[in-house]
Amino acid sequence: MPNADLIEAYRSAREAHHRAVDNLVPLLERMAVETVRDRWPDANELELHGEYNSDWIPTLRIQRVIALDGRVLYDVAVVAEDEVEDMIDEVGIEYLDLLLDLTGDDFMGAKSIEARFLVDGLHSPR
C-alpha cells in the first residue's frame, strides 16, 4: 500500500494535470480557428468529425468551415486547392488530434467549434 505522502503527491499531480488540460483545450481550439482565419478571416465555425481511422488511431478533422454570415468557405466533400488541403491537414495534425487526445470521446462524431465560444477559457464541443 502506498504511503500517505505518495498518495498526496499522486493527487496533487493529477489535479495539476487536470488544470493543465483545462488550460490547453481552449488554446488548441483557438489555435485551430486562428490558423483557419489566416486563409478565411471571416471564418466563425469549424465543423469537425472525430473517428478512429482504419489503423484504429483517433483523428479529428475539419469537415466544413462556416463564415460569420453562414457561407460555407470550405467543404471536405468539394475538392480544394492543394494549399487549402495542406492547411486543413496541418490544423488536424497539429491541434485537433491533440485536442482529441486530451478530451477523450468529447470530440468523437460530429462536433463544432465556434469562434464566439472561445472566450475566457470556455470551450464547448457541440
N, C-alpha and C. Protein backbone atom coordinates (compact mmCIF):
# COMPACT_ATOMS: atom_id res chain seq x y z
N MET A 1 0.85 -1.19 0.00
CA MET A 1 0.00 0.00 0.00
C MET A 1 0.89 1.24 0.00
N PRO A 2 0.62 2.20 -0.91
CA PRO A 2 1.41 3.44 -0.93
C PRO A 2 1.22 4.23 0.36
N ASN A 3 2.28 4.91 0.77
CA ASN A 3 2.17 5.70 1.99
C ASN A 3 1.41 7.01 1.69
N ALA A 4 1.06 7.72 2.74
CA ALA A 4 0.24 8.94 2.62
C ALA A 4 0.92 10.01 1.77
N ASP A 5 2.25 10.14 1.88
CA ASP A 5 2.97 11.14 1.09
C ASP A 5 2.88 10.83 -0.41
N LEU A 6 3.00 9.56 -0.75
CA LEU A 6 2.91 9.15 -2.14
C LEU A 6 1.50 9.37 -2.68
N ILE A 7 0.51 9.04 -1.89
CA ILE A 7 -0.88 9.26 -2.29
C ILE A 7 -1.14 10.74 -2.51
N GLU A 8 -0.67 11.57 -1.62
CA GLU A 8 -0.85 13.02 -1.76
C GLU A 8 -0.12 13.56 -2.98
N ALA A 9 1.08 13.08 -3.24
CA ALA A 9 1.83 13.50 -4.42
C ALA A 9 1.07 13.12 -5.69
N TYR A 10 0.49 11.92 -5.69
CA TYR A 10 -0.31 11.46 -6.83
C TYR A 10 -1.51 12.38 -7.04
N ARG A 11 -2.24 12.65 -5.98
CA ARG A 11 -3.43 13.52 -6.08
C ARG A 11 -3.05 14.91 -6.58
N SER A 12 -1.96 15.43 -6.06
CA SER A 12 -1.51 16.76 -6.46
C SER A 12 -1.13 16.79 -7.94
N ALA A 13 -0.41 15.77 -8.39
CA ALA A 13 -0.01 15.69 -9.80
C ALA A 13 -1.23 15.54 -10.70
N ARG A 14 -2.18 14.75 -10.26
CA ARG A 14 -3.40 14.55 -11.06
C ARG A 14 -4.20 15.84 -11.17
N GLU A 15 -4.31 16.58 -10.08
CA GLU A 15 -5.01 17.87 -10.12
C GLU A 15 -4.28 18.85 -11.03
N ALA A 16 -2.96 18.87 -10.98
CA ALA A 16 -2.18 19.75 -11.85
C ALA A 16 -2.39 19.37 -13.32
N HIS A 17 -2.47 18.08 -13.59
CA HIS A 17 -2.72 17.61 -14.94
C HIS A 17 -4.09 18.08 -15.43
N HIS A 18 -5.10 17.93 -14.60
CA HIS A 18 -6.45 18.38 -14.98
C HIS A 18 -6.48 19.88 -15.25
N ARG A 19 -5.80 20.67 -14.42
CA ARG A 19 -5.75 22.12 -14.64
C ARG A 19 -5.04 22.44 -15.95
N ALA A 20 -3.95 21.72 -16.22
CA ALA A 20 -3.21 21.95 -17.47
C ALA A 20 -4.08 21.63 -18.68
N VAL A 21 -4.81 20.52 -18.63
CA VAL A 21 -5.71 20.16 -19.74
C VAL A 21 -6.79 21.23 -19.89
N ASP A 22 -7.36 21.67 -18.78
CA ASP A 22 -8.39 22.70 -18.84
C ASP A 22 -7.87 23.99 -19.47
N ASN A 23 -6.59 24.28 -19.29
CA ASN A 23 -5.99 25.47 -19.90
C ASN A 23 -5.61 25.22 -21.35
N LEU A 24 -5.18 24.02 -21.69
CA LEU A 24 -4.70 23.72 -23.03
C LEU A 24 -5.83 23.55 -24.04
N VAL A 25 -6.94 22.97 -23.64
CA VAL A 25 -8.04 22.70 -24.58
C VAL A 25 -8.54 23.97 -25.27
N PRO A 26 -8.87 25.04 -24.55
CA PRO A 26 -9.33 26.23 -25.26
C PRO A 26 -8.25 26.86 -26.12
N LEU A 27 -6.98 26.70 -25.74
CA LEU A 27 -5.90 27.22 -26.58
C LEU A 27 -5.82 26.46 -27.89
N LEU A 28 -5.96 25.15 -27.83
CA LEU A 28 -5.95 24.35 -29.06
C LEU A 28 -7.12 24.73 -29.96
N GLU A 29 -8.28 24.94 -29.37
CA GLU A 29 -9.45 25.35 -30.17
C GLU A 29 -9.18 26.69 -30.84
N ARG A 30 -8.64 27.63 -30.08
CA ARG A 30 -8.35 28.96 -30.66
C ARG A 30 -7.27 28.87 -31.72
N MET A 31 -6.24 28.04 -31.49
CA MET A 31 -5.18 27.88 -32.49
C MET A 31 -5.76 27.34 -33.79
N ALA A 32 -6.66 26.38 -33.70
CA ALA A 32 -7.29 25.82 -34.89
C ALA A 32 -8.06 26.89 -35.65
N VAL A 33 -8.90 27.64 -34.93
CA VAL A 33 -9.70 28.68 -35.57
C VAL A 33 -8.80 29.77 -36.15
N GLU A 34 -7.81 30.21 -35.41
CA GLU A 34 -6.95 31.29 -35.89
C GLU A 34 -6.12 30.85 -37.11
N THR A 35 -5.71 29.60 -37.15
CA THR A 35 -4.98 29.10 -38.31
C THR A 35 -5.87 29.12 -39.54
N VAL A 36 -7.12 28.72 -39.39
CA VAL A 36 -8.07 28.75 -40.50
C VAL A 36 -8.35 30.19 -40.90
N ARG A 37 -8.39 31.09 -39.93
CA ARG A 37 -8.66 32.50 -40.23
C ARG A 37 -7.51 33.15 -41.00
N ASP A 38 -6.33 32.56 -41.00
CA ASP A 38 -5.25 33.08 -41.85
C ASP A 38 -5.67 32.99 -43.32
N ARG A 39 -6.44 31.98 -43.65
CA ARG A 39 -6.93 31.78 -45.03
C ARG A 39 -8.26 32.48 -45.26
N TRP A 40 -9.17 32.36 -44.28
CA TRP A 40 -10.51 32.94 -44.37
C TRP A 40 -10.74 33.79 -43.12
N PRO A 41 -10.46 35.09 -43.17
CA PRO A 41 -10.58 35.95 -41.98
C PRO A 41 -11.97 35.98 -41.36
N ASP A 42 -13.01 35.69 -42.14
CA ASP A 42 -14.36 35.73 -41.59
C ASP A 42 -14.85 34.35 -41.13
N ALA A 43 -13.95 33.38 -41.04
CA ALA A 43 -14.33 32.05 -40.55
C ALA A 43 -14.82 32.16 -39.11
N ASN A 44 -15.94 31.52 -38.83
CA ASN A 44 -16.52 31.58 -37.49
C ASN A 44 -16.70 30.20 -36.87
N GLU A 45 -16.92 29.19 -37.69
CA GLU A 45 -17.22 27.87 -37.15
C GLU A 45 -16.46 26.79 -37.92
N LEU A 46 -15.89 25.86 -37.17
CA LEU A 46 -15.27 24.69 -37.76
C LEU A 46 -16.16 23.50 -37.44
N GLU A 47 -16.71 22.89 -38.46
CA GLU A 47 -17.48 21.66 -38.26
C GLU A 47 -16.49 20.52 -38.35
N LEU A 48 -16.48 19.68 -37.33
CA LEU A 48 -15.46 18.64 -37.17
C LEU A 48 -16.08 17.26 -37.16
N HIS A 49 -15.23 16.27 -37.39
CA HIS A 49 -15.66 14.88 -37.24
C HIS A 49 -14.52 14.09 -36.62
N GLY A 50 -14.80 13.49 -35.46
CA GLY A 50 -13.83 12.64 -34.79
C GLY A 50 -14.17 11.18 -35.01
N GLU A 51 -13.16 10.40 -35.35
CA GLU A 51 -13.39 8.97 -35.58
C GLU A 51 -12.07 8.22 -35.42
N TYR A 52 -12.18 6.92 -35.42
CA TYR A 52 -10.99 6.07 -35.47
C TYR A 52 -10.74 5.73 -36.92
N ASN A 53 -9.50 5.95 -37.38
CA ASN A 53 -9.20 5.63 -38.78
C ASN A 53 -9.01 4.12 -38.94
N SER A 54 -8.62 3.70 -40.12
CA SER A 54 -8.50 2.26 -40.41
C SER A 54 -7.44 1.58 -39.56
N ASP A 55 -6.51 2.34 -39.01
CA ASP A 55 -5.48 1.80 -38.11
C ASP A 55 -5.87 1.94 -36.64
N TRP A 56 -7.12 2.28 -36.39
CA TRP A 56 -7.66 2.48 -35.04
C TRP A 56 -6.96 3.62 -34.30
N ILE A 57 -6.54 4.62 -35.04
CA ILE A 57 -5.95 5.82 -34.45
C ILE A 57 -7.04 6.89 -34.45
N PRO A 58 -7.30 7.51 -33.30
CA PRO A 58 -8.33 8.56 -33.28
C PRO A 58 -7.87 9.79 -34.06
N THR A 59 -8.75 10.30 -34.90
CA THR A 59 -8.46 11.51 -35.67
C THR A 59 -9.63 12.46 -35.57
N LEU A 60 -9.32 13.74 -35.60
CA LEU A 60 -10.34 14.79 -35.59
C LEU A 60 -10.02 15.71 -36.76
N ARG A 61 -10.95 15.81 -37.70
CA ARG A 61 -10.70 16.58 -38.91
C ARG A 61 -11.82 17.57 -39.20
N ILE A 62 -11.43 18.66 -39.85
CA ILE A 62 -12.38 19.68 -40.28
C ILE A 62 -13.16 19.13 -41.47
N GLN A 63 -14.48 19.23 -41.37
CA GLN A 63 -15.35 18.84 -42.48
C GLN A 63 -15.80 20.06 -43.28
N ARG A 64 -16.14 21.13 -42.54
CA ARG A 64 -16.56 22.37 -43.19
C ARG A 64 -16.10 23.55 -42.36
N VAL A 65 -15.89 24.68 -43.04
CA VAL A 65 -15.60 25.96 -42.40
C VAL A 65 -16.72 26.90 -42.78
N ILE A 66 -17.35 27.49 -41.77
CA ILE A 66 -18.51 28.36 -41.98
C ILE A 66 -18.13 29.80 -41.62
N ALA A 67 -18.55 30.75 -42.47
CA ALA A 67 -18.28 32.17 -42.25
C ALA A 67 -19.26 32.75 -41.24
N LEU A 68 -18.97 33.95 -40.79
CA LEU A 68 -19.86 34.67 -39.87
C LEU A 68 -21.27 34.82 -40.44
N ASP A 69 -21.37 35.00 -41.77
CA ASP A 69 -22.67 35.18 -42.40
C ASP A 69 -23.33 33.86 -42.83
N GLY A 70 -22.72 32.73 -42.47
CA GLY A 70 -23.30 31.43 -42.77
C GLY A 70 -22.81 30.77 -44.06
N ARG A 71 -22.03 31.50 -44.85
CA ARG A 71 -21.49 30.91 -46.07
C ARG A 71 -20.53 29.76 -45.75
N VAL A 72 -20.52 28.77 -46.61
CA VAL A 72 -19.57 27.67 -46.49
C VAL A 72 -18.29 28.07 -47.21
N LEU A 73 -17.20 28.18 -46.46
CA LEU A 73 -15.92 28.58 -47.02
C LEU A 73 -15.09 27.37 -47.46
N TYR A 74 -15.32 26.25 -46.82
CA TYR A 74 -14.60 25.02 -47.15
C TYR A 74 -15.53 23.85 -46.85
N ASP A 75 -15.50 22.88 -47.73
CA ASP A 75 -16.25 21.65 -47.52
C ASP A 75 -15.37 20.51 -47.98
N VAL A 76 -15.13 19.56 -47.10
CA VAL A 76 -14.25 18.44 -47.42
C VAL A 76 -14.76 17.66 -48.64
N ALA A 77 -16.06 17.70 -48.88
CA ALA A 77 -16.64 16.97 -50.00
C ALA A 77 -16.35 17.63 -51.35
N VAL A 78 -15.92 18.89 -51.32
CA VAL A 78 -15.60 19.62 -52.54
C VAL A 78 -14.08 19.70 -52.65
N VAL A 79 -13.56 19.34 -53.77
CA VAL A 79 -12.11 19.35 -53.97
C VAL A 79 -11.60 20.78 -53.85
N ALA A 80 -10.57 20.94 -53.04
CA ALA A 80 -9.98 22.27 -52.84
C ALA A 80 -8.56 22.27 -53.40
N GLU A 81 -8.01 23.45 -53.52
CA GLU A 81 -6.63 23.57 -53.99
C GLU A 81 -5.68 22.95 -52.96
N ASP A 82 -4.52 22.52 -53.42
CA ASP A 82 -3.55 21.84 -52.56
C ASP A 82 -3.17 22.67 -51.34
N GLU A 83 -3.03 23.98 -51.52
CA GLU A 83 -2.65 24.87 -50.41
C GLU A 83 -3.70 24.81 -49.28
N VAL A 84 -4.97 24.80 -49.65
CA VAL A 84 -6.04 24.73 -48.65
C VAL A 84 -6.02 23.36 -47.97
N GLU A 85 -5.89 22.30 -48.75
CA GLU A 85 -5.84 20.96 -48.18
C GLU A 85 -4.68 20.82 -47.20
N ASP A 86 -3.54 21.40 -47.54
CA ASP A 86 -2.38 21.34 -46.65
C ASP A 86 -2.66 22.04 -45.33
N MET A 87 -3.31 23.21 -45.39
CA MET A 87 -3.65 23.95 -44.17
C MET A 87 -4.63 23.16 -43.32
N ILE A 88 -5.65 22.58 -43.93
CA ILE A 88 -6.65 21.79 -43.21
C ILE A 88 -5.97 20.60 -42.54
N ASP A 89 -5.08 19.91 -43.26
CA ASP A 89 -4.36 18.78 -42.69
C ASP A 89 -3.48 19.22 -41.52
N GLU A 90 -2.81 20.37 -41.68
CA GLU A 90 -1.94 20.87 -40.61
C GLU A 90 -2.74 21.15 -39.34
N VAL A 91 -3.89 21.79 -39.49
CA VAL A 91 -4.74 22.07 -38.33
C VAL A 91 -5.13 20.76 -37.65
N GLY A 92 -5.51 19.76 -38.45
CA GLY A 92 -5.89 18.47 -37.89
C GLY A 92 -4.77 17.81 -37.13
N ILE A 93 -3.62 17.76 -37.72
CA ILE A 93 -2.48 17.07 -37.10
C ILE A 93 -1.92 17.86 -35.94
N GLU A 94 -1.77 19.16 -36.09
CA GLU A 94 -1.12 19.98 -35.06
C GLU A 94 -2.01 20.27 -33.85
N TYR A 95 -3.30 20.53 -34.08
CA TYR A 95 -4.15 20.99 -32.99
C TYR A 95 -5.31 20.05 -32.68
N LEU A 96 -5.99 19.58 -33.70
CA LEU A 96 -7.21 18.81 -33.45
C LEU A 96 -6.93 17.41 -32.92
N ASP A 97 -5.91 16.74 -33.43
CA ASP A 97 -5.61 15.41 -32.90
C ASP A 97 -5.21 15.48 -31.43
N LEU A 98 -4.45 16.49 -31.06
CA LEU A 98 -4.09 16.67 -29.65
C LEU A 98 -5.33 17.00 -28.82
N LEU A 99 -6.21 17.81 -29.37
CA LEU A 99 -7.48 18.12 -28.70
C LEU A 99 -8.26 16.83 -28.43
N LEU A 100 -8.31 15.97 -29.40
CA LEU A 100 -8.99 14.69 -29.23
C LEU A 100 -8.29 13.83 -28.19
N ASP A 101 -6.97 13.79 -28.21
CA ASP A 101 -6.21 13.02 -27.21
C ASP A 101 -6.50 13.51 -25.80
N LEU A 102 -6.61 14.80 -25.63
CA LEU A 102 -6.80 15.37 -24.30
C LEU A 102 -8.22 15.24 -23.77
N THR A 103 -9.19 15.19 -24.68
CA THR A 103 -10.59 15.23 -24.25
C THR A 103 -11.29 13.88 -24.34
N GLY A 104 -10.60 12.87 -24.82
CA GLY A 104 -11.24 11.55 -24.93
C GLY A 104 -12.34 11.57 -25.96
N ASP A 105 -13.50 11.08 -25.58
CA ASP A 105 -14.62 10.96 -26.51
C ASP A 105 -15.40 12.25 -26.72
N ASP A 106 -15.03 13.33 -26.05
CA ASP A 106 -15.78 14.59 -26.16
C ASP A 106 -15.93 15.07 -27.60
N PHE A 107 -14.93 14.81 -28.43
CA PHE A 107 -14.96 15.29 -29.80
C PHE A 107 -15.16 14.18 -30.82
N MET A 108 -15.61 13.02 -30.39
CA MET A 108 -15.90 11.95 -31.35
C MET A 108 -17.25 12.23 -32.01
N GLY A 109 -17.35 11.87 -33.28
CA GLY A 109 -18.56 12.13 -34.03
C GLY A 109 -18.56 13.55 -34.57
N ALA A 110 -19.73 14.06 -34.89
CA ALA A 110 -19.88 15.40 -35.45
C ALA A 110 -19.92 16.42 -34.32
N LYS A 111 -19.00 17.37 -34.35
CA LYS A 111 -18.91 18.45 -33.36
C LYS A 111 -18.55 19.73 -34.09
N SER A 112 -18.57 20.83 -33.37
CA SER A 112 -18.12 22.08 -33.97
C SER A 112 -17.47 22.95 -32.93
N ILE A 113 -16.63 23.84 -33.42
CA ILE A 113 -16.01 24.87 -32.60
C ILE A 113 -16.43 26.19 -33.22
N GLU A 114 -17.05 27.03 -32.42
CA GLU A 114 -17.44 28.36 -32.89
C GLU A 114 -16.55 29.39 -32.24
N ALA A 115 -16.05 30.31 -33.05
CA ALA A 115 -15.14 31.33 -32.55
C ALA A 115 -15.76 32.14 -31.42
N ARG A 116 -17.06 32.38 -31.47
CA ARG A 116 -17.69 33.22 -30.45
C ARG A 116 -17.72 32.54 -29.08
N PHE A 117 -17.52 31.21 -29.03
CA PHE A 117 -17.49 30.50 -27.76
C PHE A 117 -16.09 30.43 -27.17
N LEU A 118 -15.09 30.90 -27.89
CA LEU A 118 -13.71 30.79 -27.45
C LEU A 118 -13.29 32.04 -26.68
N VAL A 119 -13.95 32.29 -25.58
CA VAL A 119 -13.70 33.48 -24.77
C VAL A 119 -13.45 33.05 -23.34
N ASP A 120 -12.47 33.66 -22.70
CA ASP A 120 -12.19 33.43 -21.29
C ASP A 120 -12.04 31.94 -20.93
N GLY A 121 -11.38 31.19 -21.80
CA GLY A 121 -11.11 29.80 -21.49
C GLY A 121 -12.29 28.87 -21.60
N LEU A 122 -13.43 29.36 -22.10
CA LEU A 122 -14.60 28.49 -22.24
C LEU A 122 -14.48 27.69 -23.52
N HIS A 123 -14.89 26.47 -23.46
CA HIS A 123 -14.95 25.65 -24.66
C HIS A 123 -16.15 24.73 -24.53
N SER A 124 -16.70 24.39 -25.67
CA SER A 124 -17.87 23.53 -25.63
C SER A 124 -18.00 22.80 -26.95
N PRO A 125 -17.61 21.53 -26.99
CA PRO A 125 -17.86 20.81 -28.24
C PRO A 125 -19.36 20.68 -28.46
N ARG A 126 -19.81 21.03 -29.63
CA ARG A 126 -21.24 20.98 -29.91
C ARG A 126 -21.50 20.03 -31.03
